[in-house]
Amino acid sequence: MHKHRRTTHTSTVSFWRAGSAASVLRPVDMPAELIEHADLVHLTGILPGPRESAAECALEVARTARRVGIRISFDVNHRSKVWGERNPNPV
């Protein structure tokens, strides 16, 4: 992410998500022991957007946390561009 403040009142933000580490996450990339010893798992709606494997990763993290009784917080933070063609309701 790059935020460029053009003036005091205007700015532009650019994102480079394609090919990022998060865009290729898979469930095996999140060791259960990290989740099992957490106080809280925080997930964002941005993670599952780019690829199905990243969505599966987020779901597996949530399932693991729920199974062992770890609290989960979720920030929808919906970004139409992140979901692209996978977006069921494109803007």
PDB file of N, CA and C in Angstrom:
ATOM      1  N   MET A   1       0.842  -1.171   0.000  1.00  0.00           N
ATOM      2  CA  MET A   1       0.000   0.000   0.000  1.00  0.00           C
ATOM      3  C   MET A   1       0.892   1.240   0.000  1.00  0.00           C
ATOM      4  N   HIS A   2       0.491   2.208  -0.755  1.00  0.00           N
ATOM      5  CA  HIS A   2       1.204   3.475  -0.770  1.00  0.00           C
ATOM      6  C   HIS A   2       0.171   4.588  -0.711  1.00  0.00           C
ATOM      7  N   LYS A   3       0.307   5.460   0.281  1.00  0.00           N
ATOM      8  CA  LYS A   3      -0.585   6.613   0.399  1.00  0.00           C
ATOM      9  C   LYS A   3       0.220   7.865   0.084  1.00  0.00           C
ATOM     10  N   HIS A   4      -0.255   8.587  -0.904  1.00  0.00           N
ATOM     11  CA  HIS A   4       0.432   9.808  -1.326  1.00  0.00           C
ATOM     12  C   HIS A   4      -0.467  11.001  -1.016  1.00  0.00           C
ATOM     13  N   ARG A   5      -0.016  11.840  -0.118  1.00  0.00           N
ATOM     14  CA  ARG A   5      -0.780  13.032   0.246  1.00  0.00           C
ATOM     15  C   ARG A   5      -0.404  14.140  -0.717  1.00  0.00           C
ATOM     16  N   ARG A   6      -1.331  14.459  -1.611  1.00  0.00           N
ATOM     17  CA  ARG A   6      -1.067  15.473  -2.636  1.00  0.00           C
ATOM     18  C   ARG A   6      -1.128  16.877  -2.050  1.00  0.00           C
ATOM     19  N   THR A   7      -2.124  17.107  -1.217  1.00  0.00           N
ATOM     20  CA  THR A   7      -2.254  18.382  -0.507  1.00  0.00           C
ATOM     21  C   THR A   7      -2.732  18.036   0.896  1.00  0.00           C
ATOM     22  N   THR A   8      -2.966  19.038   1.700  1.00  0.00           N
ATOM     23  CA  THR A   8      -3.459  18.804   3.050  1.00  0.00           C
ATOM     24  C   THR A   8      -4.801  18.079   3.041  1.00  0.00           C
ATOM     25  N   HIS A   9      -5.607  18.281   2.004  1.00  0.00           N
ATOM     26  CA  HIS A   9      -6.956  17.729   1.967  1.00  0.00           C
ATOM     27  C   HIS A   9      -7.168  16.630   0.932  1.00  0.00           C
ATOM     28  N   THR A  10      -6.177  16.325   0.139  1.00  0.00           N
ATOM     29  CA  THR A  10      -6.348  15.278  -0.872  1.00  0.00           C
ATOM     30  C   THR A  10      -5.188  14.284  -0.829  1.00  0.00           C
ATOM     31  N   SER A  11      -5.518  13.048  -1.075  1.00  0.00           N
ATOM     32  CA  SER A  11      -4.493  12.012  -1.138  1.00  0.00           C
ATOM     33  C   SER A  11      -4.959  10.907  -2.083  1.00  0.00           C
ATOM     34  N   THR A  12      -4.016  10.107  -2.532  1.00  0.00           N
ATOM     35  CA  THR A  12      -4.323   8.932  -3.330  1.00  0.00           C
ATOM     36  C   THR A  12      -3.699   7.726  -2.645  1.00  0.00           C
ATOM     37  N   VAL A  13      -4.358   6.604  -2.779  1.00  0.00           N
ATOM     38  CA  VAL A  13      -3.859   5.365  -2.187  1.00  0.00           C
ATOM     39  C   VAL A  13      -3.769   4.319  -3.288  1.00  0.00           C
ATOM     40  N   SER A  14      -2.637   3.632  -3.361  1.00  0.00           N
ATOM     41  CA  SER A  14      -2.438   2.565  -4.338  1.00  0.00           C
ATOM     42  C   SER A  14      -2.104   1.280  -3.598  1.00  0.00           C
ATOM     43  N   PHE A  15      -2.629   0.174  -4.108  1.00  0.00           N
ATOM     44  CA  PHE A  15      -2.372  -1.136  -3.515  1.00  0.00           C
ATOM     45  C   PHE A  15      -1.738  -2.042  -4.557  1.00  0.00           C
ATOM     46  N   TRP A  16      -0.809  -2.884  -4.124  1.00  0.00           N
ATOM     47  CA  TRP A  16      -0.195  -3.897  -4.980  1.00  0.00           C
ATOM     48  C   TRP A  16      -0.378  -5.234  -4.281  1.00  0.00           C
ATOM     49  N   ARG A  17      -1.517  -5.869  -4.528  1.00  0.00           N
ATOM     50  CA  ARG A  17      -1.833  -7.125  -3.851  1.00  0.00           C
ATOM     51  C   ARG A  17      -1.478  -8.352  -4.683  1.00  0.00           C
ATOM     52  N   ALA A  18      -1.544  -8.233  -6.004  1.00  0.00           N
ATOM     53  CA  ALA A  18      -1.285  -9.383  -6.872  1.00  0.00           C
ATOM     54  C   ALA A  18       0.110  -9.936  -6.588  1.00  0.00           C
ATOM     55  N   GLY A  19       0.169 -11.229  -6.337  1.00  0.00           N
ATOM     56  CA  GLY A  19       1.449 -11.869  -6.078  1.00  0.00           C
ATOM     57  C   GLY A  19       1.994 -11.649  -4.683  1.00  0.00           C
ATOM     58  N   SER A  20       1.234 -10.998  -3.817  1.00  0.00           N
ATOM     59  CA  SER A  20       1.705 -10.781  -2.443  1.00  0.00           C
ATOM     60  C   SER A  20       1.658 -12.093  -1.675  1.00  0.00           C
ATOM     61  N   ALA A  21       2.366 -12.154  -0.581  1.00  0.00           N
ATOM     62  CA  ALA A  21       2.371 -13.368   0.239  1.00  0.00           C
ATOM     63  C   ALA A  21       0.956 -13.732   0.683  1.00  0.00           C
ATOM     64  N   ALA A  22       0.187 -12.759   1.086  1.00  0.00           N
ATOM     65  CA  ALA A  22      -1.176 -13.032   1.555  1.00  0.00           C
ATOM     66  C   ALA A  22      -2.066 -13.589   0.454  1.00  0.00           C
ATOM     67  N   SER A  23      -1.798 -13.216  -0.784  1.00  0.00           N
ATOM     68  CA  SER A  23      -2.659 -13.666  -1.875  1.00  0.00           C
ATOM     69  C   SER A  23      -2.479 -15.145  -2.206  1.00  0.00           C
ATOM     70  N   VAL A  24      -1.409 -15.754  -1.721  1.00  0.00           N
ATOM     71  CA  VAL A  24      -1.171 -17.167  -2.011  1.00  0.00           C
ATOM     72  C   VAL A  24      -1.168 -18.038  -0.756  1.00  0.00           C
ATOM     73  N   LEU A  25      -1.670 -17.508   0.349  1.00  0.00           N
ATOM     74  CA  LEU A  25      -1.750 -18.298   1.574  1.00  0.00           C
ATOM     75  C   LEU A  25      -2.635 -19.518   1.370  1.00  0.00           C
ATOM     76  N   ARG A  26      -2.240 -20.609   2.041  1.00  0.00           N
ATOM     77  CA  ARG A  26      -3.020 -21.844   2.032  1.00  0.00           C
ATOM     78  C   ARG A  26      -3.206 -22.275   3.479  1.00  0.00           C
ATOM     79  N   PRO A  27      -4.172 -23.115   3.756  1.00  0.00           N
ATOM     80  CA  PRO A  27      -4.386 -23.555   5.143  1.00  0.00           C
ATOM     81  C   PRO A  27      -3.128 -24.119   5.800  1.00  0.00           C
ATOM     82  N   VAL A  28      -2.285 -24.819   5.060  1.00  0.00           N
ATOM     83  CA  VAL A  28      -1.071 -25.406   5.649  1.00  0.00           C
ATOM     84  C   VAL A  28      -0.054 -24.344   6.061  1.00  0.00           C
ATOM     85  N   ASP A  29      -0.246 -23.108   5.618  1.00  0.00           N
ATOM     86  CA  ASP A  29       0.685 -22.031   5.965  1.00  0.00           C
ATOM     87  C   ASP A  29       0.441 -21.459   7.363  1.00  0.00           C
ATOM     88  N   MET A  30      -0.634 -21.851   7.995  1.00  0.00           N
ATOM     89  CA  MET A  30      -0.960 -21.352   9.340  1.00  0.00           C
ATOM     90  C   MET A  30      -0.917 -22.510  10.326  1.00  0.00           C
ATOM     91  N   PRO A  31       0.206 -22.718  11.001  1.00  0.00           N
ATOM     92  CA  PRO A  31       0.313 -23.830  11.950  1.00  0.00           C
ATOM     93  C   PRO A  31      -0.736 -23.714  13.068  1.00  0.00           C
ATOM     94  N   ALA A  32      -1.422 -24.811  13.309  1.00  0.00           N
ATOM     95  CA  ALA A  32      -2.477 -24.831  14.330  1.00  0.00           C
ATOM     96  C   ALA A  32      -1.959 -24.391  15.693  1.00  0.00           C
ATOM     97  N   GLU A  33      -0.705 -24.742  16.020  1.00  0.00           N
ATOM     98  CA  GLU A  33      -0.187 -24.378  17.351  1.00  0.00           C
ATOM     99  C   GLU A  33      -0.092 -22.862  17.544  1.00  0.00           C
ATOM    100  N   LEU A  34       0.084 -22.106  16.474  1.00  0.00           N
ATOM    101  CA  LEU A  34       0.078 -20.643  16.611  1.00  0.00           C
ATOM    102  C   LEU A  34      -1.310 -20.149  17.000  1.00  0.00           C
ATOM    103  N   ILE A  35      -2.307 -20.735  16.405  1.00  0.00           N
ATOM    104  CA  ILE A  35      -3.685 -20.336  16.682  1.00  0.00           C
ATOM    105  C   ILE A  35      -4.104 -20.810  18.066  1.00  0.00           C
ATOM    106  N   GLU A  36      -3.743 -22.038  18.405  1.00  0.00           N
ATOM    107  CA  GLU A  36      -4.162 -22.642  19.674  1.00  0.00           C
ATOM    108  C   GLU A  36      -3.633 -21.910  20.893  1.00  0.00           C
ATOM    109  N   HIS A  37      -2.542 -21.180  20.759  1.00  0.00           N
ATOM    110  CA  HIS A  37      -1.946 -20.466  21.897  1.00  0.00           C
ATOM    111  C   HIS A  37      -2.221 -18.958  21.858  1.00  0.00           C
ATOM    112  N   ALA A  38      -3.079 -18.545  20.963  1.00  0.00           N
ATOM    113  CA  ALA A  38      -3.406 -17.118  20.844  1.00  0.00           C
ATOM    114  C   ALA A  38      -4.438 -16.722  21.882  1.00  0.00           C
ATOM    115  N   ASP A  39      -4.458 -15.456  22.219  1.00  0.00           N
ATOM    116  CA  ASP A  39      -5.514 -14.912  23.069  1.00  0.00           C
ATOM    117  C   ASP A  39      -6.718 -14.537  22.222  1.00  0.00           C
ATOM    118  N   LEU A  40      -6.458 -14.161  20.984  1.00  0.00           N
ATOM    119  CA  LEU A  40      -7.493 -13.691  20.071  1.00  0.00           C
ATOM    120  C   LEU A  40      -7.008 -13.902  18.647  1.00  0.00           C
ATOM    121  N   VAL A  41      -7.920 -14.283  17.767  1.00  0.00           N
ATOM    122  CA  VAL A  41      -7.610 -14.353  16.333  1.00  0.00           C
ATOM    123  C   VAL A  41      -8.397 -13.243  15.657  1.00  0.00           C
ATOM    124  N   HIS A  42      -7.703 -12.382  14.941  1.00  0.00           N
ATOM    125  CA  HIS A  42      -8.363 -11.300  14.211  1.00  0.00           C
ATOM    126  C   HIS A  42      -8.240 -11.583  12.724  1.00  0.00           C
ATOM    127  N   LEU A  43      -9.379 -11.638  12.045  1.00  0.00           N
ATOM    128  CA  LEU A  43      -9.409 -11.865  10.599  1.00  0.00           C
ATOM    129  C   LEU A  43     -10.007 -10.655   9.908  1.00  0.00           C
ATOM    130  N   THR A  44      -9.617 -10.470   8.676  1.00  0.00           N
ATOM    131  CA  THR A  44     -10.124  -9.363   7.878  1.00  0.00           C
ATOM    132  C   THR A  44     -10.753  -9.905   6.600  1.00  0.00           C
ATOM    133  N   GLY A  45     -11.734  -9.200   6.086  1.00  0.00           N
ATOM    134  CA  GLY A  45     -12.379  -9.583   4.843  1.00  0.00           C
ATOM    135  C   GLY A  45     -11.492  -9.410   3.630  1.00  0.00           C
ATOM    136  N   ILE A  46     -10.355  -8.771   3.801  1.00  0.00           N
ATOM    137  CA  ILE A  46      -9.423  -8.598   2.685  1.00  0.00           C
ATOM    138  C   ILE A  46      -8.691  -9.905   2.385  1.00  0.00           C
ATOM    139  N   LEU A  47      -8.315 -10.648   3.414  1.00  0.00           N
ATOM    140  CA  LEU A  47      -7.546 -11.877   3.206  1.00  0.00           C
ATOM    141  C   LEU A  47      -8.213 -12.869   2.257  1.00  0.00           C
ATOM    142  N   PRO A  48      -9.486 -13.203   2.428  1.00  0.00           N
ATOM    143  CA  PRO A  48     -10.060 -14.225   1.543  1.00  0.00           C
ATOM    144  C   PRO A  48     -10.378 -13.753   0.134  1.00  0.00           C
ATOM    145  N   GLY A  49     -10.250 -12.482  -0.136  1.00  0.00           N
ATOM    146  CA  GLY A  49     -10.638 -11.952  -1.434  1.00  0.00           C
ATOM    147  C   GLY A  49      -9.827 -12.373  -2.637  1.00  0.00           C
ATOM    148  N   PRO A  50      -8.497 -12.295  -2.600  1.00  0.00           N
ATOM    149  CA  PRO A  50      -7.730 -12.497  -3.828  1.00  0.00           C
ATOM    150  C   PRO A  50      -7.826 -13.893  -4.457  1.00  0.00           C
ATOM    151  N   ARG A  51      -7.797 -14.911  -3.639  1.00  0.00           N
ATOM    152  CA  ARG A  51      -7.763 -16.280  -4.179  1.00  0.00           C
ATOM    153  C   ARG A  51      -8.545 -17.218  -3.279  1.00  0.00           C
ATOM    154  N   GLU A  52      -9.039 -18.285  -3.884  1.00  0.00           N
ATOM    155  CA  GLU A  52      -9.777 -19.303  -3.130  1.00  0.00           C
ATOM    156  C   GLU A  52      -8.911 -19.918  -2.035  1.00  0.00           C
ATOM    157  N   SER A  53      -7.613 -20.116  -2.318  1.00  0.00           N
ATOM    158  CA  SER A  53      -6.732 -20.708  -1.307  1.00  0.00           C
ATOM    159  C   SER A  53      -6.599 -19.801  -0.087  1.00  0.00           C
ATOM    160  N   ALA A  54      -6.599 -18.492  -0.300  1.00  0.00           N
ATOM    161  CA  ALA A  54      -6.540 -17.557   0.828  1.00  0.00           C
ATOM    162  C   ALA A  54      -7.844 -17.588   1.615  1.00  0.00           C
ATOM    163  N   ALA A  55      -8.967 -17.746   0.923  1.00  0.00           N
ATOM    164  CA  ALA A  55     -10.263 -17.875   1.603  1.00  0.00           C
ATOM    165  C   ALA A  55     -10.286 -19.146   2.442  1.00  0.00           C
ATOM    166  N   GLU A  56      -9.772 -20.244   1.891  1.00  0.00           N
ATOM    167  CA  GLU A  56      -9.712 -21.503   2.633  1.00  0.00           C
ATOM    168  C   GLU A  56      -8.824 -21.360   3.859  1.00  0.00           C
ATOM    169  N   CYS A  57      -7.739 -20.616   3.726  1.00  0.00           N
ATOM    170  CA  CYS A  57      -6.839 -20.377   4.856  1.00  0.00           C
ATOM    171  C   CYS A  57      -7.567 -19.633   5.971  1.00  0.00           C
ATOM    172  N   ALA A  58      -8.268 -18.574   5.624  1.00  0.00           N
ATOM    173  CA  ALA A  58      -9.000 -17.790   6.628  1.00  0.00           C
ATOM    174  C   ALA A  58     -10.052 -18.654   7.322  1.00  0.00           C
ATOM    175  N   LEU A  59     -10.772 -19.454   6.558  1.00  0.00           N
ATOM    176  CA  LEU A  59     -11.789 -20.330   7.151  1.00  0.00           C
ATOM    177  C   LEU A  59     -11.171 -21.373   8.070  1.00  0.00           C
ATOM    178  N   GLU A  60     -10.053 -21.941   7.677  1.00  0.00           N
ATOM    179  CA  GLU A  60      -9.397 -22.942   8.516  1.00  0.00           C
ATOM    180  C   GLU A  60      -8.877 -22.324   9.814  1.00  0.00           C
ATOM    181  N   VAL A  61      -8.359 -21.114   9.738  1.00  0.00           N
ATOM    182  CA  VAL A  61      -7.919 -20.411  10.948  1.00  0.00           C
ATOM    183  C   VAL A  61      -9.110 -20.213  11.882  1.00  0.00           C
ATOM    184  N   ALA A  62     -10.229 -19.769  11.333  1.00  0.00           N
ATOM    185  CA  ALA A  62     -11.429 -19.555  12.151  1.00  0.00           C
ATOM    186  C   ALA A  62     -11.930 -20.868  12.750  1.00  0.00           C
ATOM    187  N   ARG A  63     -11.943 -21.930  11.958  1.00  0.00           N
ATOM    188  CA  ARG A  63     -12.389 -23.238  12.467  1.00  0.00           C
ATOM    189  C   ARG A  63     -11.493 -23.726  13.602  1.00  0.00           C
ATOM    190  N   THR A  64     -10.183 -23.583  13.418  1.00  0.00           N
ATOM    191  CA  THR A  64      -9.237 -24.016  14.452  1.00  0.00           C
ATOM    192  C   THR A  64      -9.445 -23.215  15.730  1.00  0.00           C
ATOM    193  N   ALA A  65      -9.549 -21.909  15.591  1.00  0.00           N
ATOM    194  CA  ALA A  65      -9.764 -21.054  16.768  1.00  0.00           C
ATOM    195  C   ALA A  65     -11.061 -21.435  17.481  1.00  0.00           C
ATOM    196  N   ARG A  66     -12.101 -21.642  16.730  1.00  0.00           N
ATOM    197  CA  ARG A  66     -13.393 -21.987  17.330  1.00  0.00           C
ATOM    198  C   ARG A  66     -13.316 -23.335  18.045  1.00  0.00           C
ATOM    199  N   ARG A  67     -12.651 -24.302  17.411  1.00  0.00           N
ATOM    200  CA  ARG A  67     -12.542 -25.646  17.982  1.00  0.00           C
ATOM    201  C   ARG A  67     -11.853 -25.631  19.350  1.00  0.00           C
ATOM    202  N   VAL A  68     -10.844 -24.766  19.517  1.00  0.00           N
ATOM    203  CA  VAL A  68     -10.098 -24.745  20.778  1.00  0.00           C
ATOM    204  C   VAL A  68     -10.533 -23.624  21.709  1.00  0.00           C
ATOM    205  N   GLY A  69     -11.589 -22.903  21.332  1.00  0.00           N
ATOM    206  CA  GLY A  69     -12.158 -21.889  22.222  1.00  0.00           C
ATOM    207  C   GLY A  69     -11.458 -20.542  22.219  1.00  0.00           C
ATOM    208  N   ILE A  70     -10.747 -20.218  21.151  1.00  0.00           N
ATOM    209  CA  ILE A  70     -10.082 -18.915  21.050  1.00  0.00           C
ATOM    210  C   ILE A  70     -11.079 -17.906  20.476  1.00  0.00           C
ATOM    211  N   ARG A  71     -11.128 -16.728  21.073  1.00  0.00           N
ATOM    212  CA  ARG A  71     -12.013 -15.675  20.562  1.00  0.00           C
ATOM    213  C   ARG A  71     -11.581 -15.247  19.173  1.00  0.00           C
ATOM    214  N   ILE A  72     -12.579 -14.882  18.355  1.00  0.00           N
ATOM    215  CA  ILE A  72     -12.329 -14.441  16.988  1.00  0.00           C
ATOM    216  C   ILE A  72     -12.955 -13.073  16.793  1.00  0.00           C
ATOM    217  N   SER A  73     -12.194 -12.163  16.222  1.00  0.00           N
ATOM    218  CA  SER A  73     -12.777 -10.891  15.782  1.00  0.00           C
ATOM    219  C   SER A  73     -12.667 -10.855  14.266  1.00  0.00           C
ATOM    220  N   PHE A  74     -13.625 -10.201  13.635  1.00  0.00           N
ATOM    221  CA  PHE A  74     -13.649 -10.151  12.178  1.00  0.00           C
ATOM    222  C   PHE A  74     -14.008  -8.759  11.723  1.00  0.00           C
ATOM    223  N   ASP A  75     -13.161  -8.200  10.891  1.00  0.00           N
ATOM    224  CA  ASP A  75     -13.393  -6.882  10.299  1.00  0.00           C
ATOM    225  C   ASP A  75     -13.727  -7.113   8.830  1.00  0.00           C
ATOM    226  N   VAL A  76     -14.967  -6.887   8.442  1.00  0.00           N
ATOM    227  CA  VAL A  76     -15.399  -7.139   7.065  1.00  0.00           C
ATOM    228  C   VAL A  76     -14.493  -6.406   6.083  1.00  0.00           C
ATOM    229  N   ASN A  77     -14.289  -5.128   6.267  1.00  0.00           N
ATOM    230  CA  ASN A  77     -13.382  -4.322   5.439  1.00  0.00           C
ATOM    231  C   ASN A  77     -13.494  -4.701   3.963  1.00  0.00           C
ATOM    232  N   HIS A  78     -14.711  -4.775   3.466  1.00  0.00           N
ATOM    233  CA  HIS A  78     -14.956  -5.219   2.085  1.00  0.00           C
ATOM    234  C   HIS A  78     -14.375  -4.232   1.071  1.00  0.00           C
ATOM    235  N   ARG A  79     -13.636  -4.778   0.137  1.00  0.00           N
ATOM    236  CA  ARG A  79     -13.043  -4.007  -0.954  1.00  0.00           C
ATOM    237  C   ARG A  79     -13.421  -4.694  -2.262  1.00  0.00           C
ATOM    238  N   SER A  80     -14.277  -4.071  -3.038  1.00  0.00           N
ATOM    239  CA  SER A  80     -14.753  -4.673  -4.289  1.00  0.00           C
ATOM    240  C   SER A  80     -13.612  -5.067  -5.208  1.00  0.00           C
ATOM    241  N   LYS A  81     -12.594  -4.239  -5.291  1.00  0.00           N
ATOM    242  CA  LYS A  81     -11.477  -4.527  -6.189  1.00  0.00           C
ATOM    243  C   LYS A  81     -10.698  -5.763  -5.757  1.00  0.00           C
ATOM    244  N   VAL A  82     -10.642  -6.022  -4.453  1.00  0.00           N
ATOM    245  CA  VAL A  82      -9.933  -7.195  -3.961  1.00  0.00           C
ATOM    246  C   VAL A  82     -10.663  -8.469  -4.385  1.00  0.00           C
ATOM    247  N   TRP A  83     -11.984  -8.434  -4.311  1.00  0.00           N
ATOM    248  CA  TRP A  83     -12.772  -9.624  -4.630  1.00  0.00           C
ATOM    249  C   TRP A  83     -12.919  -9.820  -6.124  1.00  0.00           C
ATOM    250  N   GLY A  84     -12.818  -8.759  -6.907  1.00  0.00           N
ATOM    251  CA  GLY A  84     -12.863  -8.860  -8.365  1.00  0.00           C
ATOM    252  C   GLY A  84     -14.036  -9.684  -8.867  1.00  0.00           C
ATOM    253  N   GLU A  85     -13.739 -10.662  -9.714  1.00  0.00           N
ATOM    254  CA  GLU A  85     -14.783 -11.493 -10.293  1.00  0.00           C
ATOM    255  C   GLU A  85     -15.439 -12.408  -9.279  1.00  0.00           C
ATOM    256  N   ARG A  86     -14.783 -12.661  -8.154  1.00  0.00           N
ATOM    257  CA  ARG A  86     -15.349 -13.505  -7.108  1.00  0.00           C
ATOM    258  C   ARG A  86     -16.420 -12.760  -6.334  1.00  0.00           C
ATOM    259  N   ASN A  87     -16.519 -11.450  -6.524  1.00  0.00           N
ATOM    260  CA  ASN A  87     -17.481 -10.621  -5.810  1.00  0.00           C
ATOM    261  C   ASN A  87     -18.898 -10.946  -6.302  1.00  0.00           C
ATOM    262  N   PRO A  88     -19.766 -11.451  -5.420  1.00  0.00           N
ATOM    263  CA  PRO A  88     -21.115 -11.775  -5.848  1.00  0.00           C
ATOM    264  C   PRO A  88     -21.973 -10.544  -6.165  1.00  0.00           C
ATOM    265  N   ASN A  89     -21.584  -9.387  -5.656  1.00  0.00           N
ATOM    266  CA  ASN A  89     -22.343  -8.162  -5.874  1.00  0.00           C
ATOM    267  C   ASN A  89     -21.407  -7.035  -6.285  1.00  0.00           C
ATOM    268  N   PRO A  90     -20.834  -7.086  -7.480  1.00  0.00           N
ATOM    269  CA  PRO A  90     -19.871  -6.045  -7.873  1.00  0.00           C
ATOM    270  C   PRO A  90     -20.510  -4.662  -7.890  1.00  0.00           C
ATOM    271  N   VAL A  91     -19.723  -3.687  -7.489  1.00  0.00           N
ATOM    272  CA  VAL A  91     -20.200  -2.301  -7.445  1.00  0.00           C
ATOM    273  C   VAL A  91     -20.056  -1.687  -8.816  1.00  0.00           C
TER     274      VAL A  91
END
